[in-house]
């Protein structure tokens, strides 16, 4: 079972007959234990890919799984399952590629700070400290050279 998504999430995202087609290498007409292992492996692969982006900005494991992260991880896992059989150009399967690309684009934005994960207790950065979501400006300046006191005699 994965940290971000579960086997049930995969079953809810992909129709059972399509899922059978994607993982039934033994041609049993059902999802065998080996097929279940293939599904679990794709879940682990998807989560590893997600973590490779998140680790650039967040402390892992995450304190909770925001819904958007769950959805993007699911998009990646579904893509990896479809890759097992190939994605036909011009078919409805291409939407799987589009969803994968959107997920990776979003993960890149998260890694660079253009997007953030929101947790119930705020944001957590790679050092465990709170992270600002990138929407507030940071201003730095040199110390003041002149003040009312230093200009008083002029």
Protein backbone atom coordinates (compact mmCIF):
# COMPACT_ATOMS: atom_id res chain seq x y z
CA UNK A 1 0.00 0.00 0.00
CA UNK A 2 1.29 3.42 -0.92
CA UNK A 3 1.74 6.51 1.18
CA UNK A 4 -0.21 8.78 -1.18
CA UNK A 5 -2.55 6.46 -3.08
CA UNK A 6 -3.95 2.97 -2.61
CA UNK A 7 -5.00 0.05 -4.77
CA UNK A 8 -8.61 1.18 -4.27
CA UNK A 9 -7.73 4.59 -5.72
CA UNK A 10 -6.42 2.85 -8.84
CA UNK A 11 -9.60 0.76 -9.03
CA UNK A 12 -11.72 3.91 -8.80
CA UNK A 13 -9.71 5.66 -11.52
CA UNK A 14 -9.57 2.82 -14.07
CA UNK A 15 -12.46 0.57 -15.08
CA UNK A 16 -11.91 -3.02 -13.92
CA UNK A 17 -11.87 -4.48 -17.45
CA UNK A 18 -9.27 -1.91 -18.55
CA UNK A 19 -7.19 -2.60 -15.46
CA UNK A 20 -7.32 -6.34 -16.23
CA UNK A 21 -6.06 -5.63 -19.74
CA UNK A 22 -3.21 -3.53 -18.36
CA UNK A 23 -1.89 -6.05 -15.81
CA UNK A 24 -3.10 -9.54 -16.89
CA UNK A 25 0.13 -10.78 -18.46
CA UNK A 26 -0.88 -14.37 -17.68
CA UNK A 27 -4.09 -13.96 -19.72
CA UNK A 28 -6.26 -15.39 -16.96
CA UNK A 29 -9.13 -13.00 -17.60
CA UNK A 30 -8.77 -11.71 -14.06
CA UNK A 31 -6.33 -9.74 -11.98
CA UNK A 32 -4.05 -12.38 -10.51
CA UNK A 33 -1.75 -11.93 -7.50
CA UNK A 34 1.02 -11.19 -10.01
CA UNK A 35 -1.23 -8.52 -11.54
CA UNK A 36 -1.81 -7.02 -8.09
CA UNK A 37 1.96 -6.89 -7.63
CA UNK A 38 2.25 -5.02 -10.94
CA UNK A 39 -0.30 -2.48 -9.73
CA UNK A 40 1.50 -2.04 -6.40
CA UNK A 41 4.81 -1.62 -8.23
CA UNK A 42 3.36 1.18 -10.36
CA UNK A 43 2.02 2.86 -7.23
CA UNK A 44 5.49 2.70 -5.66
CA UNK A 45 7.11 3.98 -8.86
CA UNK A 46 4.67 6.90 -9.03
CA UNK A 47 5.27 7.80 -5.38
CA UNK A 48 9.04 7.64 -5.89
CA UNK A 49 8.74 10.01 -8.83
CA UNK A 50 6.58 12.38 -6.79
CA UNK A 51 9.00 12.24 -3.86
CA UNK A 52 11.93 13.12 -6.13
CA UNK A 53 10.26 16.50 -6.70
CA UNK A 54 8.87 17.02 -3.20
CA UNK A 55 12.21 16.29 -1.51
CA UNK A 56 13.62 19.45 -3.06
CA UNK A 57 11.34 21.54 -0.87
CA UNK A 58 9.61 19.45 1.79
CA UNK A 59 10.61 17.14 4.59
CA UNK A 60 9.56 13.58 3.79
CA UNK A 61 7.47 11.77 4.81
CA UNK A 62 4.79 14.44 4.61
CA UNK A 63 2.63 15.02 7.71
CA UNK A 64 -0.51 14.46 5.62
CA UNK A 65 -1.47 13.98 1.98
CA UNK A 66 -3.23 16.98 0.45
CA UNK A 67 -5.95 16.01 -2.07
CA UNK A 68 -4.11 17.66 -4.97
CA UNK A 69 -1.02 15.54 -4.26
CA UNK A 70 -3.12 12.39 -4.17
CA UNK A 71 -4.69 13.28 -7.53
CA UNK A 72 -1.34 14.01 -9.18
CA UNK A 73 0.22 10.80 -7.83
CA UNK A 74 -2.76 8.87 -9.17
CA UNK A 75 -2.30 10.48 -12.60
CA UNK A 76 1.32 9.30 -12.65
CA UNK A 77 0.45 5.76 -11.50
CA UNK A 78 -2.29 5.46 -14.15
CA UNK A 79 0.18 6.64 -16.79
CA UNK A 80 2.72 4.04 -15.69
CA UNK A 81 0.07 1.30 -15.88
CA UNK A 82 -0.91 2.34 -19.41
CA UNK A 83 2.75 2.39 -20.48
CA UNK A 84 2.91 -1.34 -19.84
CA UNK A 85 0.71 -1.98 -22.89
CA UNK A 86 1.51 1.15 -24.86
CA UNK A 87 -0.54 4.23 -25.57
CA UNK A 88 -2.02 4.36 -29.05
CA UNK A 89 -1.58 7.72 -30.82
CA UNK A 90 -4.87 9.41 -31.58
CA UNK A 91 -6.79 7.30 -29.07
CA UNK A 92 -8.55 8.28 -25.87
CA UNK A 93 -5.48 6.90 -24.08
CA UNK A 94 -3.66 10.11 -24.99
CA UNK A 95 -5.56 11.87 -22.20
CA UNK A 96 -3.46 9.73 -19.85
CA UNK A 97 -0.33 11.33 -21.31
CA UNK A 98 -1.85 14.80 -20.94
CA UNK A 99 -2.69 14.14 -17.28
CA UNK A 100 0.83 12.83 -16.67
CA UNK A 101 2.39 15.93 -18.23
CA UNK A 102 0.18 18.20 -16.13
CA UNK A 103 1.14 16.27 -12.99
CA UNK A 104 4.87 16.55 -13.71
CA UNK A 105 4.54 20.24 -14.58
CA UNK A 106 2.77 20.87 -11.29
CA UNK A 107 5.41 18.89 -9.38
CA UNK A 108 8.14 20.98 -10.99
CA UNK A 109 6.29 24.10 -9.87
CA UNK A 110 6.08 22.72 -6.33
CA UNK A 111 9.80 21.91 -6.34
CA UNK A 112 10.72 25.44 -7.46
CA UNK A 113 8.28 27.21 -5.15
CA UNK A 114 5.81 28.38 -7.81
CA UNK A 115 3.18 26.11 -6.24
CA UNK A 116 2.88 24.81 -2.69
CA UNK A 117 1.33 22.01 -0.76
CA UNK A 118 -1.12 23.23 1.85
CA UNK A 119 -1.40 21.30 5.09
CA UNK A 120 -3.84 21.73 7.95
CA UNK A 121 -0.96 22.94 10.13
CA UNK A 122 0.64 25.18 7.49
CA UNK A 123 3.54 24.50 5.15
CA UNK A 124 6.63 22.54 6.07
CA UNK A 125 9.94 23.11 4.30
CA UNK A 126 12.94 20.85 3.86
CA UNK A 127 14.41 22.05 7.16
CA UNK A 128 11.18 21.36 9.05
CA UNK A 129 10.43 25.07 9.38
CA UNK A 130 7.37 26.83 8.09
CA UNK A 131 7.70 27.84 4.45
CA UNK A 132 5.97 30.79 2.90
CA UNK A 133 3.96 29.84 -0.15
CA UNK A 134 5.90 32.21 -2.38
CA UNK A 135 3.16 34.82 -2.50
CA UNK A 136 4.75 37.31 -0.09
CA UNK A 137 7.64 39.52 -1.19
CA UNK A 138 10.90 39.40 0.71
CA UNK A 139 12.67 42.71 1.11
CA UNK A 140 16.27 43.03 2.16
CA UNK A 141 18.20 46.27 2.47
CA UNK A 142 21.41 47.72 3.83
CA UNK A 143 21.31 49.26 7.31
CA UNK A 144 20.15 52.87 7.44
CA UNK A 145 22.93 55.39 6.86
CA UNK A 146 20.97 58.47 7.80
CA UNK A 147 18.47 59.04 10.54
CA UNK A 148 16.77 62.05 12.11
CA UNK A 149 19.49 62.15 14.73
CA UNK A 150 22.41 62.04 12.27
CA UNK A 151 20.87 64.76 10.07
CA UNK A 152 19.86 66.99 12.97
CA UNK A 153 22.75 69.44 12.52
CA UNK A 154 22.22 70.01 8.78
